[in-house]
């Protein structure tokens, strides 16, 4: 879901990772659901950048 949202926003993974202030390999792990526990700050940055709701990102990451 995250990768598709990013592509719809016409952002490369490299560009998105720079905006978020993280390494692009870490962003790849998040987009591939291999990293579930991310900081609250990064969580909200992703919501804003990808234009998704907190609930949607919670569901995607299975975050409670």
Protein backbone atom coordinates (compact mmCIF):
# COMPACT_ATOMS: atom_id res chain seq x y z
CA UNK A 1 0.00 0.00 0.00
CA UNK A 2 2.73 2.49 0.91
CA UNK A 3 4.72 1.94 -2.26
CA UNK A 4 1.61 2.48 -4.40
CA UNK A 5 0.73 5.68 -2.52
CA UNK A 6 4.29 6.96 -2.98
CA UNK A 7 4.24 6.20 -6.68
CA UNK A 8 0.87 7.95 -7.08
CA UNK A 9 2.49 10.99 -5.52
CA UNK A 10 5.26 10.61 -8.12
CA UNK A 11 7.95 10.31 -5.45
CA UNK A 12 10.94 8.03 -5.81
CA UNK A 13 11.92 5.98 -2.80
CA UNK A 14 15.13 8.00 -2.63
CA UNK A 15 13.24 11.32 -2.62
CA UNK A 16 10.76 10.11 -0.01
CA UNK A 17 13.52 8.83 2.26
CA UNK A 18 15.33 12.17 2.04
CA UNK A 19 12.15 14.06 2.95
CA UNK A 20 11.54 11.69 5.86
CA UNK A 21 15.16 11.92 7.00
CA UNK A 22 15.82 8.19 6.83
CA UNK A 23 17.89 5.83 4.70
CA UNK A 24 16.15 4.51 1.61
CA UNK A 25 16.84 0.91 2.68
CA UNK A 26 14.97 1.58 5.94
CA UNK A 27 12.06 3.03 3.97
CA UNK A 28 12.08 -0.07 1.79
CA UNK A 29 11.82 -2.26 4.88
CA UNK A 30 8.86 -0.22 6.12
CA UNK A 31 7.12 -0.35 2.73
CA UNK A 32 7.65 -4.12 2.61
CA UNK A 33 6.24 -4.58 6.13
CA UNK A 34 9.56 -5.78 7.50
CA UNK A 35 9.76 -2.98 10.06
CA UNK A 36 6.71 -2.47 12.26
CA UNK A 37 8.10 -0.56 15.21
CA UNK A 38 8.92 2.94 14.04
CA UNK A 39 9.15 6.13 16.05
CA UNK A 40 6.03 8.22 16.52
CA UNK A 41 7.76 11.11 14.75
CA UNK A 42 8.50 9.00 11.67
CA UNK A 43 4.99 7.52 11.80
CA UNK A 44 3.40 10.96 11.54
CA UNK A 45 5.86 12.12 8.89
CA UNK A 46 4.88 9.14 6.74
CA UNK A 47 1.18 9.92 7.22
CA UNK A 48 1.72 13.50 6.10
CA UNK A 49 4.01 12.71 3.17
CA UNK A 50 1.96 9.81 1.83
CA UNK A 51 -1.33 11.58 2.58
CA UNK A 52 -2.77 8.68 4.53
CA UNK A 53 -4.65 8.57 7.80
CA UNK A 54 -3.16 7.44 11.07
CA UNK A 55 -5.68 4.60 11.12
CA UNK A 56 -4.66 3.42 7.65
CA UNK A 57 -0.97 3.38 8.54
CA UNK A 58 -1.75 1.62 11.81
CA UNK A 59 -3.62 -1.06 9.90
CA UNK A 60 -0.82 -1.41 7.37
CA UNK A 61 1.82 -1.79 10.09
CA UNK A 62 -0.50 -3.78 12.37
CA UNK A 63 0.37 -1.21 15.00
CA UNK A 64 -1.89 -1.15 18.03
